[in-house]
Amino acid sequence: MKRGALLFALLLISQSALAYGDGASPAVAPLSNLLPPPPAAGSTAAQRDLQAVLTAQKTRTAQDMAAAKGDTARSVFRFADALGLTTQPASLPKTAAFFESVAKLDKAEAKEAKEFWKHPRPSVVSSQVHALSKEKPDDWSYPSGHATFGYSAAVLLANMLPEKRAAIFARADVYGEHRVVMGVHFPSDVEAGKIAGTVIADEILRDPQWQADYAAARGELRRALGLP
């Protein structure tokens, strides 16, 4: 199934499978029920995944590595360049608080899926992989938690700032690709994170419990950028 068709199908699933909760977070159906499984060990797809990591490792420059390390921060302010945002994060407390809550939800949902599949990291699969950071032994590879946050943030930001939609999603793509540059994730992990983040953001946008904080962050961001 092509990426677009797969994402559309999963979003349709989310409309019926995900229910609103009574707390501050939407009751998201387990991502293990929504995502396709990671490539099987030894499969052609797994071999392509590994080759992509090795190619990124061979071609990454010092500038690439510095940018990838910077993107290890799960912060909406990593999108500042795409937004044209020069305001200091401390002056945007509502935006910071909203996206910190999003990051917390994303991390919890991605962790459940990671525990379900227990897909090993690239450096565990091959000694040829030299990752730029050391990950926890029990923090599995699929889906990428960082990519999940990146795409949740992108969907939410694009709805807050539709004028900057193209730049926002382009930045999310780079944010996800940096996980491969780091050598800590396979491309399939990032692709799964893209789907997971989109599904979670869709629920946040529809959950009444999030609307006040979303609106506050949106207004704050638009004022900071001089937008109506």
C-alpha atoms as a PDB file:
ATOM      1  CA  MET A   1       0.000   0.000   0.000  1.00  0.00           C
ATOM      2  CA  LYS A   2       1.344   3.422  -0.898  1.00  0.00           C
ATOM      3  CA  ARG A   3       2.164   5.828   1.945  1.00  0.00           C
ATOM      4  CA  GLY A   4      -0.697   8.207   1.206  1.00  0.00           C
ATOM      5  CA  ALA A   5      -3.260   5.421   1.047  1.00  0.00           C
ATOM      6  CA  LEU A   6      -1.936   3.850   4.233  1.00  0.00           C
ATOM      7  CA  LEU A   7      -2.063   7.140   6.126  1.00  0.00           C
ATOM      8  CA  PHE A   8      -5.601   7.834   4.877  1.00  0.00           C
ATOM      9  CA  ALA A   9      -6.738   4.370   5.937  1.00  0.00           C
ATOM     10  CA  LEU A  10      -5.270   4.788   9.402  1.00  0.00           C
ATOM     11  CA  LEU A  11      -6.923   8.158   9.825  1.00  0.00           C
ATOM     12  CA  LEU A  12     -10.254   6.579   8.910  1.00  0.00           C
ATOM     13  CA  ILE A  13      -9.597   3.906  11.521  1.00  0.00           C
ATOM     14  CA  SER A  14      -8.865   6.619  14.066  1.00  0.00           C
ATOM     15  CA  GLN A  15     -12.275   8.190  13.494  1.00  0.00           C
ATOM     16  CA  SER A  16     -14.018   5.068  14.765  1.00  0.00           C
ATOM     17  CA  ALA A  17     -11.413   3.366  16.934  1.00  0.00           C
ATOM     18  CA  LEU A  18     -10.361   6.305  19.126  1.00  0.00           C
ATOM     19  CA  ALA A  19     -12.623   7.540  21.880  1.00  0.00           C
ATOM     20  CA  TYR A  20     -12.583  10.719  23.911  1.00  0.00           C
ATOM     21  CA  GLY A  21     -11.436  10.445  27.509  1.00  0.00           C
ATOM     22  CA  ASP A  22     -12.487  12.247  30.662  1.00  0.00           C
ATOM     23  CA  GLY A  23      -8.996  13.547  31.472  1.00  0.00           C
ATOM     24  CA  ALA A  24      -6.639  16.025  29.857  1.00  0.00           C
ATOM     25  CA  SER A  25      -5.541  13.572  27.180  1.00  0.00           C
ATOM     26  CA  PRO A  26      -7.566  11.824  24.485  1.00  0.00           C
ATOM     27  CA  ALA A  27      -8.013   8.087  24.959  1.00  0.00           C
ATOM     28  CA  VAL A  28      -5.899   7.048  21.992  1.00  0.00           C
ATOM     29  CA  ALA A  29      -6.302   3.473  20.813  1.00  0.00           C
ATOM     30  CA  PRO A  30      -2.995   1.565  21.130  1.00  0.00           C
ATOM     31  CA  LEU A  31      -0.739   2.369  18.199  1.00  0.00           C
ATOM     32  CA  SER A  32       0.020  -1.341  18.001  1.00  0.00           C
ATOM     33  CA  ASN A  33      -3.579  -1.710  16.734  1.00  0.00           C
ATOM     34  CA  LEU A  34      -3.123   0.952  14.065  1.00  0.00           C
ATOM     35  CA  LEU A  35       0.414   0.687  12.699  1.00  0.00           C
ATOM     36  CA  PRO A  36       1.750  -1.975  10.343  1.00  0.00           C
ATOM     37  CA  PRO A  37       4.443  -4.196  11.880  1.00  0.00           C
ATOM     38  CA  PRO A  38       8.108  -3.287  11.374  1.00  0.00           C
ATOM     39  CA  PRO A  39      10.095  -5.160   8.699  1.00  0.00           C
ATOM     40  CA  ALA A  40      10.808  -8.756   9.713  1.00  0.00           C
ATOM     41  CA  ALA A  41      14.415  -9.612  10.555  1.00  0.00           C
ATOM     42  CA  GLY A  42      16.283 -10.789   7.470  1.00  0.00           C
ATOM     43  CA  SER A  43      13.612  -9.573   5.053  1.00  0.00           C
ATOM     44  CA  THR A  44      14.365  -7.494   1.983  1.00  0.00           C
ATOM     45  CA  ALA A  45      12.664  -4.528   3.630  1.00  0.00           C
ATOM     46  CA  ALA A  46      14.863  -4.906   6.727  1.00  0.00           C
ATOM     47  CA  GLN A  47      17.967  -5.047   4.564  1.00  0.00           C
ATOM     48  CA  ARG A  48      16.919  -1.840   2.782  1.00  0.00           C
ATOM     49  CA  ASP A  49      16.308  -0.204   6.138  1.00  0.00           C
ATOM     50  CA  LEU A  50      19.792  -1.077   7.361  1.00  0.00           C
ATOM     51  CA  GLN A  51      21.411   0.028   4.110  1.00  0.00           C
ATOM     52  CA  ALA A  52      19.711   3.403   4.399  1.00  0.00           C
ATOM     53  CA  VAL A  53      21.186   3.881   7.874  1.00  0.00           C
ATOM     54  CA  LEU A  54      24.662   2.869   6.683  1.00  0.00           C
ATOM     55  CA  THR A  55      24.420   5.210   3.698  1.00  0.00           C
ATOM     56  CA  ALA A  56      23.378   8.097   5.937  1.00  0.00           C
ATOM     57  CA  GLN A  57      26.290   7.278   8.240  1.00  0.00           C
ATOM     58  CA  LYS A  58      28.763   7.274   5.353  1.00  0.00           C
ATOM     59  CA  THR A  59      27.553  10.550   3.833  1.00  0.00           C
ATOM     60  CA  ARG A  60      26.733  12.618   6.936  1.00  0.00           C
ATOM     61  CA  THR A  61      28.800  15.767   7.320  1.00  0.00           C
ATOM     62  CA  ALA A  62      29.808  17.584  10.494  1.00  0.00           C
ATOM     63  CA  GLN A  63      26.997  20.038   9.792  1.00  0.00           C
ATOM     64  CA  ASP A  64      24.507  17.181   9.357  1.00  0.00           C
ATOM     65  CA  MET A  65      25.579  15.629  12.644  1.00  0.00           C
ATOM     66  CA  ALA A  66      25.335  18.913  14.537  1.00  0.00           C
ATOM     67  CA  ALA A  67      21.836  19.551  13.157  1.00  0.00           C
ATOM     68  CA  ALA A  68      20.736  15.982  13.977  1.00  0.00           C
ATOM     69  CA  LYS A  69      22.036  16.279  17.530  1.00  0.00           C
ATOM     70  CA  GLY A  70      20.148  19.542  17.942  1.00  0.00           C
ATOM     71  CA  ASP A  71      16.957  17.800  16.903  1.00  0.00           C
ATOM     72  CA  THR A  72      17.235  15.301  19.739  1.00  0.00           C
ATOM     73  CA  ALA A  73      15.296  17.915  21.738  1.00  0.00           C
ATOM     74  CA  ARG A  74      11.560  17.175  21.706  1.00  0.00           C
ATOM     75  CA  SER A  75      10.625  20.813  21.560  1.00  0.00           C
ATOM     76  CA  VAL A  76       8.260  22.749  19.342  1.00  0.00           C
ATOM     77  CA  PHE A  77      10.908  25.455  19.234  1.00  0.00           C
ATOM     78  CA  ARG A  78      12.989  23.231  16.934  1.00  0.00           C
ATOM     79  CA  PHE A  79      10.436  24.439  14.344  1.00  0.00           C
ATOM     80  CA  ALA A  80      11.356  28.090  14.952  1.00  0.00           C
ATOM     81  CA  ASP A  81      13.324  28.308  11.702  1.00  0.00           C
ATOM     82  CA  ALA A  82      10.348  27.080   9.666  1.00  0.00           C
ATOM     83  CA  LEU A  83       8.023  29.504  11.442  1.00  0.00           C
ATOM     84  CA  GLY A  84      10.325  32.506  11.168  1.00  0.00           C
ATOM     85  CA  LEU A  85      10.087  32.727  14.939  1.00  0.00           C
ATOM     86  CA  THR A  86      12.744  34.815  16.688  1.00  0.00           C
ATOM     87  CA  THR A  87      10.931  35.248  20.011  1.00  0.00           C
ATOM     88  CA  GLN A  88      12.538  33.558  22.995  1.00  0.00           C
ATOM     89  CA  PRO A  89      10.699  30.427  24.226  1.00  0.00           C
ATOM     90  CA  ALA A  90      10.294  31.958  27.692  1.00  0.00           C
ATOM     91  CA  SER A  91       8.047  34.632  26.203  1.00  0.00           C
ATOM     92  CA  LEU A  92       5.669  31.986  24.803  1.00  0.00           C
ATOM     93  CA  PRO A  93       4.632  30.089  27.956  1.00  0.00           C
ATOM     94  CA  LYS A  94       1.248  28.915  26.627  1.00  0.00           C
ATOM     95  CA  THR A  95       2.828  27.517  23.465  1.00  0.00           C
ATOM     96  CA  ALA A  96       5.570  25.818  25.463  1.00  0.00           C
ATOM     97  CA  ALA A  97       3.125  24.278  27.949  1.00  0.00           C
ATOM     98  CA  PHE A  98       0.775  23.004  25.235  1.00  0.00           C
ATOM     99  CA  PHE A  99       3.486  21.290  23.210  1.00  0.00           C
ATOM    100  CA  GLU A 100       5.135  19.874  26.333  1.00  0.00           C
ATOM    101  CA  SER A 101       1.829  18.130  27.025  1.00  0.00           C
ATOM    102  CA  VAL A 102       1.741  16.903  23.416  1.00  0.00           C
ATOM    103  CA  ALA A 103       5.282  15.555  23.750  1.00  0.00           C
ATOM    104  CA  LYS A 104       4.335  13.735  26.942  1.00  0.00           C
ATOM    105  CA  LEU A 105       1.334  12.087  25.284  1.00  0.00           C
ATOM    106  CA  ASP A 106       3.339  11.159  22.191  1.00  0.00           C
ATOM    107  CA  LYS A 107       6.085   9.592  24.276  1.00  0.00           C
ATOM    108  CA  ALA A 108       3.638   7.476  26.264  1.00  0.00           C
ATOM    109  CA  GLU A 109       1.805   6.242  23.166  1.00  0.00           C
ATOM    110  CA  ALA A 110       5.017   5.488  21.263  1.00  0.00           C
ATOM    111  CA  LYS A 111       6.417   3.622  24.272  1.00  0.00           C
ATOM    112  CA  GLU A 112       3.424   1.267  24.301  1.00  0.00           C
ATOM    113  CA  ALA A 113       4.011   0.437  20.639  1.00  0.00           C
ATOM    114  CA  LYS A 114       7.754   0.020  21.160  1.00  0.00           C
ATOM    115  CA  GLU A 115       7.101  -2.455  23.957  1.00  0.00           C
ATOM    116  CA  PHE A 116       4.648  -4.355  21.783  1.00  0.00           C
ATOM    117  CA  TRP A 117       7.091  -4.947  18.900  1.00  0.00           C
ATOM    118  CA  LYS A 118      10.457  -4.761  20.708  1.00  0.00           C
ATOM    119  CA  HIS A 119      12.165  -3.951  17.413  1.00  0.00           C
ATOM    120  CA  PRO A 120      15.934  -3.546  17.959  1.00  0.00           C
ATOM    121  CA  ARG A 121      17.848  -0.357  17.226  1.00  0.00           C
ATOM    122  CA  PRO A 122      20.152  -0.193  14.184  1.00  0.00           C
ATOM    123  CA  SER A 123      23.330  -0.511  16.260  1.00  0.00           C
ATOM    124  CA  VAL A 124      21.970  -3.722  17.780  1.00  0.00           C
ATOM    125  CA  VAL A 125      21.126  -5.136  14.360  1.00  0.00           C
ATOM    126  CA  SER A 126      24.567  -4.356  12.929  1.00  0.00           C
ATOM    127  CA  SER A 127      27.948  -3.566  14.467  1.00  0.00           C
ATOM    128  CA  GLN A 128      28.635  -1.430  11.385  1.00  0.00           C
ATOM    129  CA  VAL A 129      26.248   1.204  12.710  1.00  0.00           C
ATOM    130  CA  HIS A 130      27.927   3.889  14.802  1.00  0.00           C
ATOM    131  CA  ALA A 131      25.154   5.855  16.437  1.00  0.00           C
ATOM    132  CA  LEU A 132      25.738   9.440  17.540  1.00  0.00           C
ATOM    133  CA  SER A 133      23.937   8.889  20.846  1.00  0.00           C
ATOM    134  CA  LYS A 134      23.526   6.023  23.264  1.00  0.00           C
ATOM    135  CA  GLU A 135      19.924   4.952  23.719  1.00  0.00           C
ATOM    136  CA  LYS A 136      18.502   3.118  26.732  1.00  0.00           C
ATOM    137  CA  PRO A 137      18.603  -0.689  26.355  1.00  0.00           C
ATOM    138  CA  ASP A 138      14.845  -0.983  26.865  1.00  0.00           C
ATOM    139  CA  ASP A 139      13.948   1.886  24.509  1.00  0.00           C
ATOM    140  CA  TRP A 140      13.104   0.059  21.308  1.00  0.00           C
ATOM    141  CA  SER A 141      13.238   1.341  17.761  1.00  0.00           C
ATOM    142  CA  TYR A 142       9.723   1.113  16.267  1.00  0.00           C
ATOM    143  CA  PRO A 143       8.071   3.583  15.997  1.00  0.00           C
ATOM    144  CA  SER A 144      10.380   6.565  16.438  1.00  0.00           C
ATOM    145  CA  GLY A 145       9.180   8.592  19.391  1.00  0.00           C
ATOM    146  CA  HIS A 146      10.930  11.700  18.101  1.00  0.00           C
ATOM    147  CA  ALA A 147       9.293  11.352  14.678  1.00  0.00           C
ATOM    148  CA  THR A 148       5.937  10.825  16.413  1.00  0.00           C
ATOM    149  CA  PHE A 149       6.368  14.130  18.227  1.00  0.00           C
ATOM    150  CA  GLY A 150       7.683  15.861  15.110  1.00  0.00           C
ATOM    151  CA  TYR A 151       4.612  14.994  13.075  1.00  0.00           C
ATOM    152  CA  SER A 152       2.145  15.646  15.900  1.00  0.00           C
ATOM    153  CA  ALA A 153       3.735  19.064  16.304  1.00  0.00           C
ATOM    154  CA  ALA A 154       3.649  19.651  12.543  1.00  0.00           C
ATOM    155  CA  VAL A 155      -0.054  18.846  12.199  1.00  0.00           C
ATOM    156  CA  LEU A 156      -0.942  21.056  15.148  1.00  0.00           C
ATOM    157  CA  LEU A 157       1.304  23.921  14.038  1.00  0.00           C
ATOM    158  CA  ALA A 158      -0.033  23.710  10.477  1.00  0.00           C
ATOM    159  CA  ASN A 159      -3.569  24.105  11.810  1.00  0.00           C
ATOM    160  CA  MET A 160      -2.515  27.038  13.972  1.00  0.00           C
ATOM    161  CA  LEU A 161      -0.498  28.641  11.179  1.00  0.00           C
ATOM    162  CA  PRO A 162      -1.888  27.482   7.823  1.00  0.00           C
ATOM    163  CA  GLU A 163       0.095  30.241   6.099  1.00  0.00           C
ATOM    164  CA  LYS A 164       3.259  28.298   6.940  1.00  0.00           C
ATOM    165  CA  ARG A 165       1.971  24.765   6.330  1.00  0.00           C
ATOM    166  CA  ALA A 166       4.483  23.797   3.624  1.00  0.00           C
ATOM    167  CA  ALA A 167       7.506  24.986   5.614  1.00  0.00           C
ATOM    168  CA  ILE A 168       6.236  23.273   8.775  1.00  0.00           C
ATOM    169  CA  PHE A 169       5.854  19.864   7.140  1.00  0.00           C
ATOM    170  CA  ALA A 170       9.190  20.203   5.359  1.00  0.00           C
ATOM    171  CA  ARG A 171      10.791  20.834   8.760  1.00  0.00           C
ATOM    172  CA  ALA A 172       9.016  17.812  10.228  1.00  0.00           C
ATOM    173  CA  ASP A 173      10.480  15.661   7.456  1.00  0.00           C
ATOM    174  CA  VAL A 174      13.992  16.858   8.311  1.00  0.00           C
ATOM    175  CA  TYR A 175      13.338  16.362  12.033  1.00  0.00           C
ATOM    176  CA  GLY A 176      12.400  12.746  11.356  1.00  0.00           C
ATOM    177  CA  GLU A 177      15.240  12.105   8.899  1.00  0.00           C
ATOM    178  CA  HIS A 178      17.718  13.290  11.515  1.00  0.00           C
ATOM    179  CA  ARG A 179      16.924  10.147  13.523  1.00  0.00           C
ATOM    180  CA  VAL A 180      18.389   8.106  10.662  1.00  0.00           C
ATOM    181  CA  VAL A 181      21.380  10.452  10.435  1.00  0.00           C
ATOM    182  CA  MET A 182      21.906   9.867  14.155  1.00  0.00           C
ATOM    183  CA  GLY A 183      21.980   6.134  13.490  1.00  0.00           C
ATOM    184  CA  VAL A 184      19.365   5.473  16.162  1.00  0.00           C
ATOM    185  CA  HIS A 185      16.388   4.689  13.916  1.00  0.00           C
ATOM    186  CA  PHE A 186      15.548   3.005  10.640  1.00  0.00           C
ATOM    187  CA  PRO A 187      13.520   4.813   7.956  1.00  0.00           C
ATOM    188  CA  SER A 188      10.584   2.486   8.731  1.00  0.00           C
ATOM    189  CA  ASP A 189      10.658   3.720  12.344  1.00  0.00           C
ATOM    190  CA  VAL A 190      10.397   7.291  11.131  1.00  0.00           C
ATOM    191  CA  GLU A 191       7.599   6.471   8.698  1.00  0.00           C
ATOM    192  CA  ALA A 192       5.645   4.777  11.509  1.00  0.00           C
ATOM    193  CA  GLY A 193       6.239   7.840  13.684  1.00  0.00           C
ATOM    194  CA  LYS A 194       4.831  10.027  10.927  1.00  0.00           C
ATOM    195  CA  ILE A 195       1.611   8.013  10.915  1.00  0.00           C
ATOM    196  CA  ALA A 196       1.449   7.791  14.713  1.00  0.00           C
ATOM    197  CA  GLY A 197       2.005  11.500  15.183  1.00  0.00           C
ATOM    198  CA  THR A 198      -0.660  12.361  12.642  1.00  0.00           C
ATOM    199  CA  VAL A 199      -3.226  10.080  14.303  1.00  0.00           C
ATOM    200  CA  ILE A 200      -2.477  11.527  17.757  1.00  0.00           C
ATOM    201  CA  ALA A 201      -2.666  15.117  16.506  1.00  0.00           C
ATOM    202  CA  ASP A 202      -5.994  14.372  14.858  1.00  0.00           C
ATOM    203  CA  GLU A 203      -7.360  13.227  18.201  1.00  0.00           C
ATOM    204  CA  ILE A 204      -5.998  16.282  19.999  1.00  0.00           C
ATOM    205  CA  LEU A 205      -7.689  18.550  17.464  1.00  0.00           C
ATOM    206  CA  ARG A 206     -11.035  16.798  18.046  1.00  0.00           C
ATOM    207  CA  ASP A 207     -10.878  16.368  21.816  1.00  0.00           C
ATOM    208  CA  PRO A 208     -12.751  19.106  23.724  1.00  0.00           C
ATOM    209  CA  GLN A 209     -10.380  18.711  26.671  1.00  0.00           C
ATOM    210  CA  TRP A 210      -7.506  20.154  24.607  1.00  0.00           C
ATOM    211  CA  GLN A 211      -9.321  23.017  22.904  1.00  0.00           C
ATOM    212  CA  ALA A 212      -8.709  25.803  25.430  1.00  0.00           C
ATOM    213  CA  ASP A 213      -4.963  25.164  25.612  1.00  0.00           C
ATOM    214  CA  TYR A 214      -4.766  24.750  21.835  1.00  0.00           C
ATOM    215  CA  ALA A 215      -6.542  28.064  21.269  1.00  0.00           C
ATOM    216  CA  ALA A 216      -4.310  29.821  23.813  1.00  0.00           C
ATOM    217  CA  ALA A 217      -1.150  28.513  22.145  1.00  0.00           C
ATOM    218  CA  ARG A 218      -2.472  29.386  18.691  1.00  0.00           C
ATOM    219  CA  GLY A 219      -3.281  32.968  19.682  1.00  0.00           C
ATOM    220  CA  GLU A 220       0.061  33.419  21.402  1.00  0.00           C
ATOM    221  CA  LEU A 221       1.998  32.105  18.402  1.00  0.00           C
ATOM    222  CA  ARG A 222       0.079  34.158  15.858  1.00  0.00           C
ATOM    223  CA  ARG A 223       0.628  37.340  17.883  1.00  0.00           C
ATOM    224  CA  ALA A 224       4.349  36.599  18.183  1.00  0.00           C
ATOM    225  CA  LEU A 225       4.547  36.200  14.402  1.00  0.00           C
ATOM    226  CA  GLY A 226       2.464  39.289  13.705  1.00  0.00           C
ATOM    227  CA  LEU A 227      -0.336  37.293  12.103  1.00  0.00           C
ATOM    228  CA  PRO A 228      -4.057  38.139  12.378  1.00  0.00           C
END
